Amino acid sequence: LAYGLLTAACLAYARRRGWTRPGPRPFRGRLALATAAVV
């Protein structure tokens, strides 16, 4: 939990610095189906 939250905070910092850009919006139905299949 702590490691993930700190990683997310670092990613937020990277985004504020312009190191990353928002990606395309996912196909939600396909995303849910793919996740369920892998689980």
PDB file of all heavy atoms in Angstrom:
ATOM      1  N   LEU A   1       0.826  -1.209   0.000  1.00  0.00           N
ATOM      2  CA  LEU A   1       0.000   0.000   0.000  1.00  0.00           C
ATOM      3  C   LEU A   1       0.859   1.256   0.000  1.00  0.00           C
ATOM      4  O   LEU A   1       0.671   2.150  -0.844  1.00  0.00           O
ATOM      5  CB  LEU A   1      -0.923  -0.007   1.222  1.00  0.00           C
ATOM      6  CG  LEU A   1      -1.803   1.233   1.406  1.00  0.00           C
ATOM      7  CD1 LEU A   1      -2.759   1.400   0.236  1.00  0.00           C
ATOM      8  CD2 LEU A   1      -2.561   1.163   2.732  1.00  0.00           C
ATOM      9  N   ALA A   2       1.789   1.331   0.941  1.00  0.00           N
ATOM     10  CA  ALA A   2       2.631   2.521   1.035  1.00  0.00           C
ATOM     11  C   ALA A   2       3.495   2.692  -0.203  1.00  0.00           C
ATOM     12  O   ALA A   2       3.646   3.807  -0.732  1.00  0.00           O
ATOM     13  CB  ALA A   2       3.507   2.432   2.290  1.00  0.00           C
ATOM     14  N   TYR A   3       4.056   1.608  -0.680  1.00  0.00           N
ATOM     15  CA  TYR A   3       4.910   1.652  -1.874  1.00  0.00           C
ATOM     16  C   TYR A   3       4.109   2.147  -3.073  1.00  0.00           C
ATOM     17  O   TYR A   3       4.589   2.989  -3.851  1.00  0.00           O
ATOM     18  CB  TYR A   3       5.462   0.248  -2.151  1.00  0.00           C
ATOM     19  CG  TYR A   3       6.711   0.199  -2.991  1.00  0.00           C
ATOM     20  CD1 TYR A   3       7.930  -0.143  -2.434  1.00  0.00           C
ATOM     21  CD2 TYR A   3       6.664   0.462  -4.356  1.00  0.00           C
ATOM     22  CE1 TYR A   3       9.080  -0.223  -3.206  1.00  0.00           C
ATOM     23  CE2 TYR A   3       7.798   0.390  -5.139  1.00  0.00           C
ATOM     24  CZ  TYR A   3       9.020   0.049  -4.560  1.00  0.00           C
ATOM     25  OH  TYR A   3      10.141  -0.014  -5.327  1.00  0.00           O
ATOM     26  N   GLY A   4       2.889   1.637  -3.230  1.00  0.00           N
ATOM     27  CA  GLY A   4       2.057   2.069  -4.351  1.00  0.00           C
ATOM     28  C   GLY A   4       1.670   3.528  -4.266  1.00  0.00           C
ATOM     29  O   GLY A   4       1.682   4.250  -5.273  1.00  0.00           O
ATOM     30  N   LEU A   5       1.309   3.987  -3.072  1.00  0.00           N
ATOM     31  CA  LEU A   5       0.931   5.393  -2.908  1.00  0.00           C
ATOM     32  C   LEU A   5       2.112   6.318  -3.183  1.00  0.00           C
ATOM     33  O   LEU A   5       1.952   7.379  -3.804  1.00  0.00           O
ATOM     34  CB  LEU A   5       0.385   5.628  -1.495  1.00  0.00           C
ATOM     35  CG  LEU A   5      -0.955   4.950  -1.176  1.00  0.00           C
ATOM     36  CD1 LEU A   5      -1.327   5.177   0.280  1.00  0.00           C
ATOM     37  CD2 LEU A   5      -2.054   5.476  -2.098  1.00  0.00           C
ATOM     38  N   LEU A   6       3.300   5.936  -2.726  1.00  0.00           N
ATOM     39  CA  LEU A   6       4.490   6.746  -3.000  1.00  0.00           C
ATOM     40  C   LEU A   6       4.833   6.736  -4.489  1.00  0.00           C
ATOM     41  O   LEU A   6       5.251   7.764  -5.052  1.00  0.00           O
ATOM     42  CB  LEU A   6       5.668   6.227  -2.182  1.00  0.00           C
ATOM     43  CG  LEU A   6       5.592   6.481  -0.668  1.00  0.00           C
ATOM     44  CD1 LEU A   6       6.671   5.698   0.068  1.00  0.00           C
ATOM     45  CD2 LEU A   6       5.734   7.980  -0.384  1.00  0.00           C
ATOM     46  N   THR A   7       4.646   5.587  -5.145  1.00  0.00           N
ATOM     47  CA  THR A   7       4.864   5.519  -6.585  1.00  0.00           C
ATOM     48  C   THR A   7       3.873   6.423  -7.323  1.00  0.00           C
ATOM     49  O   THR A   7       4.241   7.148  -8.263  1.00  0.00           O
ATOM     50  CB  THR A   7       4.734   4.084  -7.101  1.00  0.00           C
ATOM     51  OG1 THR A   7       5.670   3.242  -6.426  1.00  0.00           O
ATOM     52  CG2 THR A   7       4.986   4.000  -8.597  1.00  0.00           C
ATOM     53  N   ALA A   8       2.606   6.390  -6.893  1.00  0.00           N
ATOM     54  CA  ALA A   8       1.591   7.259  -7.503  1.00  0.00           C
ATOM     55  C   ALA A   8       1.931   8.718  -7.300  1.00  0.00           C
ATOM     56  O   ALA A   8       1.721   9.548  -8.205  1.00  0.00           O
ATOM     57  CB  ALA A   8       0.225   6.936  -6.913  1.00  0.00           C
ATOM     58  N   ALA A   9       2.467   9.063  -6.122  1.00  0.00           N
ATOM     59  CA  ALA A   9       2.864  10.447  -5.865  1.00  0.00           C
ATOM     60  C   ALA A   9       4.002  10.864  -6.795  1.00  0.00           C
ATOM     61  O   ALA A   9       4.017  11.994  -7.314  1.00  0.00           O
ATOM     62  CB  ALA A   9       3.282  10.602  -4.406  1.00  0.00           C
ATOM     63  N   CYS A  10       4.952   9.959  -7.023  1.00  0.00           N
ATOM     64  CA  CYS A  10       6.049  10.254  -7.957  1.00  0.00           C
ATOM     65  C   CYS A  10       5.527  10.421  -9.381  1.00  0.00           C
ATOM     66  O   CYS A  10       6.015  11.282 -10.136  1.00  0.00           O
ATOM     67  CB  CYS A  10       7.098   9.141  -7.897  1.00  0.00           C
ATOM     68  SG  CYS A  10       8.033   9.073  -6.359  1.00  0.00           S
ATOM     69  N   LEU A  11       4.549   9.612  -9.765  1.00  0.00           N
ATOM     70  CA  LEU A  11       3.951   9.747 -11.097  1.00  0.00           C
ATOM     71  C   LEU A  11       3.207  11.067 -11.229  1.00  0.00           C
ATOM     72  O   LEU A  11       3.233  11.698 -12.299  1.00  0.00           O
ATOM     73  CB  LEU A  11       3.006   8.571 -11.351  1.00  0.00           C
ATOM     74  CG  LEU A  11       3.670   7.215 -11.608  1.00  0.00           C
ATOM     75  CD1 LEU A  11       2.614   6.110 -11.650  1.00  0.00           C
ATOM     76  CD2 LEU A  11       4.462   7.242 -12.910  1.00  0.00           C
ATOM     77  N   ALA A  12       2.532  11.497 -10.156  1.00  0.00           N
ATOM     78  CA  ALA A  12       1.856  12.789 -10.186  1.00  0.00           C
ATOM     79  C   ALA A  12       2.863  13.922 -10.352  1.00  0.00           C
ATOM     80  O   ALA A  12       2.618  14.893 -11.097  1.00  0.00           O
ATOM     81  CB  ALA A  12       1.045  12.981  -8.903  1.00  0.00           C
ATOM     82  N   TYR A  13       4.002  13.792  -9.686  1.00  0.00           N
ATOM     83  CA  TYR A  13       5.069  14.783  -9.844  1.00  0.00           C
ATOM     84  C   TYR A  13       5.577  14.802 -11.278  1.00  0.00           C
ATOM     85  O   TYR A  13       5.790  15.878 -11.869  1.00  0.00           O
ATOM     86  CB  TYR A  13       6.207  14.454  -8.874  1.00  0.00           C
ATOM     87  CG  TYR A  13       7.450  15.282  -9.082  1.00  0.00           C
ATOM     88  CD1 TYR A  13       7.534  16.580  -8.605  1.00  0.00           C
ATOM     89  CD2 TYR A  13       8.556  14.750  -9.759  1.00  0.00           C
ATOM     90  CE1 TYR A  13       8.681  17.346  -8.799  1.00  0.00           C
ATOM     91  CE2 TYR A  13       9.703  15.491  -9.951  1.00  0.00           C
ATOM     92  CZ  TYR A  13       9.764  16.793  -9.473  1.00  0.00           C
ATOM     93  OH  TYR A  13      10.897  17.544  -9.670  1.00  0.00           O
ATOM     94  N   ALA A  14       5.767  13.600 -11.842  1.00  0.00           N
ATOM     95  CA  ALA A  14       6.231  13.514 -13.230  1.00  0.00           C
ATOM     96  C   ALA A  14       5.237  14.157 -14.187  1.00  0.00           C
ATOM     97  O   ALA A  14       5.632  14.828 -15.157  1.00  0.00           O
ATOM     98  CB  ALA A  14       6.458  12.045 -13.610  1.00  0.00           C
ATOM     99  N   ARG A  15       3.964  13.987 -13.923  1.00  0.00           N
ATOM    100  CA  ARG A  15       2.950  14.588 -14.801  1.00  0.00           C
ATOM    101  C   ARG A  15       2.962  16.105 -14.687  1.00  0.00           C
ATOM    102  O   ARG A  15       2.827  16.819 -15.699  1.00  0.00           O
ATOM    103  CB  ARG A  15       1.575  14.024 -14.456  1.00  0.00           C
ATOM    104  CG  ARG A  15       0.484  14.504 -15.407  1.00  0.00           C
ATOM    105  CD  ARG A  15      -0.780  13.725 -15.217  1.00  0.00           C
ATOM    106  NE  ARG A  15      -1.805  14.152 -16.170  1.00  0.00           N
ATOM    107  CZ  ARG A  15      -2.999  13.604 -16.270  1.00  0.00           C
ATOM    108  NH1 ARG A  15      -3.333  12.589 -15.476  1.00  0.00           N
ATOM    109  NH2 ARG A  15      -3.867  14.053 -17.153  1.00  0.00           N
ATOM    110  N   ARG A  16       3.121  16.627 -13.472  1.00  0.00           N
ATOM    111  CA  ARG A  16       3.175  18.085 -13.296  1.00  0.00           C
ATOM    112  C   ARG A  16       4.387  18.680 -14.014  1.00  0.00           C
ATOM    113  O   ARG A  16       4.339  19.810 -14.500  1.00  0.00           O
ATOM    114  CB  ARG A  16       3.219  18.426 -11.813  1.00  0.00           C
ATOM    115  CG  ARG A  16       1.883  18.240 -11.090  1.00  0.00           C
ATOM    116  CD  ARG A  16       1.870  18.957  -9.758  1.00  0.00           C
ATOM    117  NE  ARG A  16       2.910  18.489  -8.867  1.00  0.00           N
ATOM    118  CZ  ARG A  16       2.762  17.482  -8.015  1.00  0.00           C
ATOM    119  NH1 ARG A  16       1.599  16.841  -7.951  1.00  0.00           N
ATOM    120  NH2 ARG A  16       3.759  17.124  -7.234  1.00  0.00           N
ATOM    121  N   ARG A  17       5.460  17.902 -14.062  1.00  0.00           N
ATOM    122  CA  ARG A  17       6.667  18.382 -14.759  1.00  0.00           C
ATOM    123  C   ARG A  17       6.553  18.226 -16.265  1.00  0.00           C
ATOM    124  O   ARG A  17       7.466  18.632 -16.997  1.00  0.00           O
ATOM    125  CB  ARG A  17       7.885  17.608 -14.254  1.00  0.00           C
ATOM    126  CG  ARG A  17       8.254  17.852 -12.796  1.00  0.00           C
ATOM    127  CD  ARG A  17       8.755  19.288 -12.575  1.00  0.00           C
ATOM    128  NE  ARG A  17       9.918  19.590 -13.376  1.00  0.00           N
ATOM    129  CZ  ARG A  17      11.177  19.410 -12.980  1.00  0.00           C
ATOM    130  NH1 ARG A  17      11.400  18.910 -11.764  1.00  0.00           N
ATOM    131  NH2 ARG A  17      12.183  19.709 -13.748  1.00  0.00           N
ATOM    132  N   GLY A  18       5.471  17.628 -16.716  1.00  0.00           N
ATOM    133  CA  GLY A  18       5.290  17.448 -18.147  1.00  0.00           C
ATOM    134  C   GLY A  18       6.025  16.265 -18.727  1.00  0.00           C
ATOM    135  O   GLY A  18       6.200  16.172 -19.949  1.00  0.00           O
ATOM    136  N   TRP A  19       6.455  15.329 -17.854  1.00  0.00           N
ATOM    137  CA  TRP A  19       7.188  14.162 -18.331  1.00  0.00           C
ATOM    138  C   TRP A  19       6.262  13.115 -18.937  1.00  0.00           C
ATOM    139  O   TRP A  19       6.711  12.256 -19.686  1.00  0.00           O
ATOM    140  CB  TRP A  19       7.973  13.521 -17.181  1.00  0.00           C
ATOM    141  CG  TRP A  19       9.036  14.422 -16.612  1.00  0.00           C
ATOM    142  CD1 TRP A  19       9.474  15.601 -17.119  1.00  0.00           C
ATOM    143  CD2 TRP A  19       9.778  14.194 -15.406  1.00  0.00           C
ATOM    144  NE1 TRP A  19      10.447  16.144 -16.317  1.00  0.00           N
ATOM    145  CE2 TRP A  19      10.659  15.295 -15.258  1.00  0.00           C
ATOM    146  CE3 TRP A  19       9.788  13.183 -14.448  1.00  0.00           C
ATOM    147  CZ2 TRP A  19      11.542  15.402 -14.186  1.00  0.00           C
ATOM    148  CZ3 TRP A  19      10.662  13.279 -13.383  1.00  0.00           C
ATOM    149  CH2 TRP A  19      11.529  14.385 -13.252  1.00  0.00           C
ATOM    150  N   THR A  20       5.002  13.161 -18.571  1.00  0.00           N
ATOM    151  CA  THR A  20       4.023  12.212 -19.110  1.00  0.00           C
ATOM    152  C   THR A  20       2.825  12.965 -19.654  1.00  0.00           C
ATOM    153  O   THR A  20       2.571  14.116 -19.285  1.00  0.00           O
ATOM    154  CB  THR A  20       3.543  11.222 -18.035  1.00  0.00           C
ATOM    155  OG1 THR A  20       2.806  11.946 -17.032  1.00  0.00           O
ATOM    156  CG2 THR A  20       4.713  10.507 -17.379  1.00  0.00           C
ATOM    157  N   ARG A  21       2.086  12.288 -20.502  1.00  0.00           N
ATOM    158  CA  ARG A  21       0.884  12.876 -21.070  1.00  0.00           C
ATOM    159  C   ARG A  21      -0.285  11.911 -20.908  1.00  0.00           C
ATOM    160  O   ARG A  21      -0.074  10.703 -20.880  1.00  0.00           O
ATOM    161  CB  ARG A  21       1.083  13.189 -22.559  1.00  0.00           C
ATOM    162  CG  ARG A  21       2.170  14.237 -22.818  1.00  0.00           C
ATOM    163  CD  ARG A  21       2.316  14.478 -24.312  1.00  0.00           C
ATOM    164  NE  ARG A  21       3.369  15.453 -24.591  1.00  0.00           N
ATOM    165  CZ  ARG A  21       3.706  15.836 -25.815  1.00  0.00           C
ATOM    166  NH1 ARG A  21       3.100  15.290 -26.879  1.00  0.00           N
ATOM    167  NH2 ARG A  21       4.659  16.724 -25.978  1.00  0.00           N
ATOM    168  N   PRO A  22      -1.497  12.472 -20.803  1.00  0.00           N
ATOM    169  CA  PRO A  22      -2.669  11.584 -20.684  1.00  0.00           C
ATOM    170  C   PRO A  22      -2.779  10.674 -21.907  1.00  0.00           C
ATOM    171  O   PRO A  22      -2.578  11.107 -23.043  1.00  0.00           O
ATOM    172  CB  PRO A  22      -3.850  12.554 -20.602  1.00  0.00           C
ATOM    173  CG  PRO A  22      -3.248  13.849 -20.154  1.00  0.00           C
ATOM    174  CD  PRO A  22      -1.876  13.896 -20.744  1.00  0.00           C
ATOM    175  N   GLY A  23      -3.091   9.419 -21.671  1.00  0.00           N
ATOM    176  CA  GLY A  23      -3.243   8.473 -22.766  1.00  0.00           C
ATOM    177  C   GLY A  23      -4.644   8.509 -23.328  1.00  0.00           C
ATOM    178  O   GLY A  23      -5.531   9.210 -22.811  1.00  0.00           O
ATOM    179  N   PRO A  24      -4.884   7.773 -24.378  1.00  0.00           N
ATOM    180  CA  PRO A  24      -6.231   7.707 -24.961  1.00  0.00           C
ATOM    181  C   PRO A  24      -7.202   7.028 -24.002  1.00  0.00           C
ATOM    182  O   PRO A  24      -6.810   6.217 -23.159  1.00  0.00           O
ATOM    183  CB  PRO A  24      -6.013   6.873 -26.231  1.00  0.00           C
ATOM    184  CG  PRO A  24      -4.804   6.043 -25.944  1.00  0.00           C
ATOM    185  CD  PRO A  24      -3.920   6.901 -25.098  1.00  0.00           C
ATOM    186  N   ARG A  25      -8.458   7.380 -24.126  1.00  0.00           N
ATOM    187  CA  ARG A  25      -9.475   6.778 -23.267  1.00  0.00           C
ATOM    188  C   ARG A  25      -9.657   5.303 -23.638  1.00  0.00           C
ATOM    189  O   ARG A  25      -9.689   4.926 -24.813  1.00  0.00           O
ATOM    190  CB  ARG A  25     -10.796   7.523 -23.413  1.00  0.00           C
ATOM    191  CG  ARG A  25     -10.713   8.974 -22.972  1.00  0.00           C
ATOM    192  CD  ARG A  25     -12.064   9.656 -23.085  1.00  0.00           C
ATOM    193  NE  ARG A  25     -13.024   9.050 -22.164  1.00  0.00           N
ATOM    194  CZ  ARG A  25     -14.289   9.462 -22.056  1.00  0.00           C
ATOM    195  NH1 ARG A  25     -14.737  10.461 -22.822  1.00  0.00           N
ATOM    196  NH2 ARG A  25     -15.098   8.878 -21.206  1.00  0.00           N
ATOM    197  N   PRO A  26      -9.801   4.449 -22.634  1.00  0.00           N
ATOM    198  CA  PRO A  26      -9.934   3.007 -22.925  1.00  0.00           C
ATOM    199  C   PRO A  26     -11.336   2.653 -23.406  1.00  0.00           C
ATOM    200  O   PRO A  26     -12.293   3.411 -23.217  1.00  0.00           O
ATOM    201  CB  PRO A  26      -9.657   2.372 -21.572  1.00  0.00           C
ATOM    202  CG  PRO A  26     -10.127   3.394 -20.585  1.00  0.00           C
ATOM    203  CD  PRO A  26      -9.793   4.736 -21.196  1.00  0.00           C
ATOM    204  N   PHE A  27     -11.437   1.489 -24.013  1.00  0.00           N
ATOM    205  CA  PHE A  27     -12.737   0.909 -24.321  1.00  0.00           C
ATOM    206  C   PHE A  27     -13.176   0.164 -23.048  1.00  0.00           C
ATOM    207  O   PHE A  27     -12.697  -0.935 -22.774  1.00  0.00           O
ATOM    208  CB  PHE A  27     -12.628  -0.061 -25.501  1.00  0.00           C
ATOM    209  CG  PHE A  27     -11.977   0.541 -26.720  1.00  0.00           C
ATOM    210  CD1 PHE A  27     -10.927  -0.115 -27.364  1.00  0.00           C
ATOM    211  CD2 PHE A  27     -12.416   1.761 -27.231  1.00  0.00           C
ATOM    212  CE1 PHE A  27     -10.326   0.427 -28.496  1.00  0.00           C
ATOM    213  CE2 PHE A  27     -11.827   2.307 -28.362  1.00  0.00           C
ATOM    214  CZ  PHE A  27     -10.783   1.652 -28.996  1.00  0.00           C
ATOM    215  N   ARG A  28     -14.046   0.758 -22.269  1.00  0.00           N
ATOM    216  CA  ARG A  28     -14.321   0.260 -20.923  1.00  0.00           C
ATOM    217  C   ARG A  28     -14.852  -1.171 -20.912  1.00  0.00           C
ATOM    218  O   ARG A  28     -14.472  -1.980 -20.061  1.00  0.00           O
ATOM    219  CB  ARG A  28     -15.293   1.201 -20.213  1.00  0.00           C
ATOM    220  CG  ARG A  28     -14.690   2.585 -19.938  1.00  0.00           C
ATOM    221  CD  ARG A  28     -15.646   3.448 -19.146  1.00  0.00           C
ATOM    222  NE  ARG A  28     -15.044   4.740 -18.858  1.00  0.00           N
ATOM    223  CZ  ARG A  28     -15.651   5.722 -18.184  1.00  0.00           C
ATOM    224  NH1 ARG A  28     -16.892   5.521 -17.727  1.00  0.00           N
ATOM    225  NH2 ARG A  28     -15.037   6.853 -17.971  1.00  0.00           N
ATOM    226  N   GLY A  29     -15.738  -1.476 -21.816  1.00  0.00           N
ATOM    227  CA  GLY A  29     -16.281  -2.831 -21.855  1.00  0.00           C
ATOM    228  C   GLY A  29     -15.202  -3.852 -22.148  1.00  0.00           C
ATOM    229  O   GLY A  29     -15.130  -4.908 -21.495  1.00  0.00           O
ATOM    230  N   ARG A  30     -14.361  -3.553 -23.112  1.00  0.00           N
ATOM    231  CA  ARG A  30     -13.271  -4.474 -23.446  1.00  0.00           C
ATOM    232  C   ARG A  30     -12.261  -4.562 -22.309  1.00  0.00           C
ATOM    233  O   ARG A  30     -11.698  -5.640 -22.042  1.00  0.00           O
ATOM    234  CB  ARG A  30     -12.575  -4.022 -24.720  1.00  0.00           C
ATOM    235  CG  ARG A  30     -13.452  -4.067 -25.961  1.00  0.00           C
ATOM    236  CD  ARG A  30     -12.646  -3.631 -27.171  1.00  0.00           C
ATOM    237  NE  ARG A  30     -13.452  -3.593 -28.386  1.00  0.00           N
ATOM    238  CZ  ARG A  30     -12.976  -3.242 -29.575  1.00  0.00           C
ATOM    239  NH1 ARG A  30     -11.694  -2.910 -29.690  1.00  0.00           N
ATOM    240  NH2 ARG A  30     -13.766  -3.230 -30.629  1.00  0.00           N
ATOM    241  N   LEU A  31     -12.017  -3.425 -21.648  1.00  0.00           N
ATOM    242  CA  LEU A  31     -11.088  -3.412 -20.525  1.00  0.00           C
ATOM    243  C   LEU A  31     -11.586  -4.323 -19.404  1.00  0.00           C
ATOM    244  O   LEU A  31     -10.818  -5.118 -18.844  1.00  0.00           O
ATOM    245  CB  LEU A  31     -10.917  -1.986 -20.004  1.00  0.00           C
ATOM    246  CG  LEU A  31      -9.988  -1.796 -18.796  1.00  0.00           C
ATOM    247  CD1 LEU A  31      -8.570  -2.222 -19.130  1.00  0.00           C
ATOM    248  CD2 LEU A  31     -10.007  -0.340 -18.330  1.00  0.00           C
ATOM    249  N   ALA A  32     -12.854  -4.248 -19.097  1.00  0.00           N
ATOM    250  CA  ALA A  32     -13.433  -5.096 -18.051  1.00  0.00           C
ATOM    251  C   ALA A  32     -13.385  -6.567 -18.447  1.00  0.00           C
ATOM    252  O   ALA A  32     -13.062  -7.445 -17.626  1.00  0.00           O
ATOM    253  CB  ALA A  32     -14.866  -4.667 -17.774  1.00  0.00           C
ATOM    254  N   LEU A  33     -13.683  -6.860 -19.717  1.00  0.00           N
ATOM    255  CA  LEU A  33     -13.681  -8.240 -20.192  1.00  0.00           C
ATOM    256  C   LEU A  33     -12.276  -8.825 -20.148  1.00  0.00           C
ATOM    257  O   LEU A  33     -12.071  -9.967 -19.698  1.00  0.00           O
ATOM    258  CB  LEU A  33     -14.232  -8.297 -21.620  1.00  0.00           C
ATOM    259  CG  LEU A  33     -14.254  -9.687 -22.286  1.00  0.00           C
ATOM    260  CD1 LEU A  33     -15.137 -10.638 -21.486  1.00  0.00           C
ATOM    261  CD2 LEU A  33     -14.740  -9.574 -23.733  1.00  0.00           C
ATOM    262  N   ALA A  34     -11.296  -8.062 -20.606  1.00  0.00           N
ATOM    263  CA  ALA A  34      -9.916  -8.547 -20.609  1.00  0.00           C
ATOM    264  C   ALA A  34      -9.416  -8.788 -19.187  1.00  0.00           C
ATOM    265  O   ALA A  34      -8.753  -9.794 -18.901  1.00  0.00           O
ATOM    266  CB  ALA A  34      -9.012  -7.551 -21.321  1.00  0.00           C
ATOM    267  N   THR A  35      -9.746  -7.868 -18.292  1.00  0.00           N
ATOM    268  CA  THR A  35      -9.319  -8.019 -16.893  1.00  0.00           C
ATOM    269  C   THR A  35      -9.933  -9.254 -16.274  1.00  0.00           C
ATOM    270  O   THR A  35      -9.255 -10.037 -15.587  1.00  0.00           O
ATOM    271  CB  THR A  35      -9.711  -6.770 -16.081  1.00  0.00           C
ATOM    272  OG1 THR A  35      -9.119  -5.609 -16.681  1.00  0.00           O
ATOM    273  CG2 THR A  35      -9.237  -6.895 -14.645  1.00  0.00           C
ATOM    274  N   ALA A  36     -11.218  -9.459 -16.490  1.00  0.00           N
ATOM    275  CA  ALA A  36     -11.899 -10.629 -15.942  1.00  0.00           C
ATOM    276  C   ALA A  36     -11.285 -11.922 -16.477  1.00  0.00           C
ATOM    277  O   ALA A  36     -11.135 -12.913 -15.742  1.00  0.00           O
ATOM    278  CB  ALA A  36     -13.384 -10.571 -16.266  1.00  0.00           C
ATOM    279  N   ALA A  37     -10.918 -11.918 -17.763  1.00  0.00           N
ATOM    280  CA  ALA A  37     -10.336 -13.124 -18.366  1.00  0.00           C
ATOM    281  C   ALA A  37      -8.978 -13.453 -17.746  1.00  0.00           C
ATOM    282  O   ALA A  37      -8.682 -14.621 -17.456  1.00  0.00           O
ATOM    283  CB  ALA A  37     -10.206 -12.931 -19.876  1.00  0.00           C
ATOM    284  N   VAL A  38      -8.143 -12.437 -17.527  1.00  0.00           N
ATOM    285  CA  VAL A  38      -6.819 -12.678 -16.951  1.00  0.00           C
ATOM    286  C   VAL A  38      -6.945 -13.128 -15.496  1.00  0.00           C
ATOM    287  O   VAL A  38      -6.226 -14.030 -15.043  1.00  0.00           O
ATOM    288  CB  VAL A  38      -5.936 -11.421 -17.058  1.00  0.00           C
ATOM    289  CG1 VAL A  38      -4.579 -11.660 -16.400  1.00  0.00           C
ATOM    290  CG2 VAL A  38      -5.734 -11.048 -18.522  1.00  0.00           C
ATOM    291  N   VAL A  39      -7.860 -12.524 -14.742  1.00  0.00           N
ATOM    292  CA  VAL A  39      -8.089 -12.948 -13.365  1.00  0.00           C
ATOM    293  C   VAL A  39      -8.559 -14.405 -13.332  1.00  0.00           C
ATOM    294  O   VAL A  39      -8.086 -15.214 -12.525  1.00  0.00           O
ATOM    295  CB  VAL A  39      -9.113 -12.036 -12.670  1.00  0.00           C
ATOM    296  CG1 VAL A  39      -9.532 -12.626 -11.322  1.00  0.00           C
ATOM    297  CG2 VAL A  39      -8.545 -10.634 -12.478  1.00  0.00           C
TER     298      VAL A  39
END
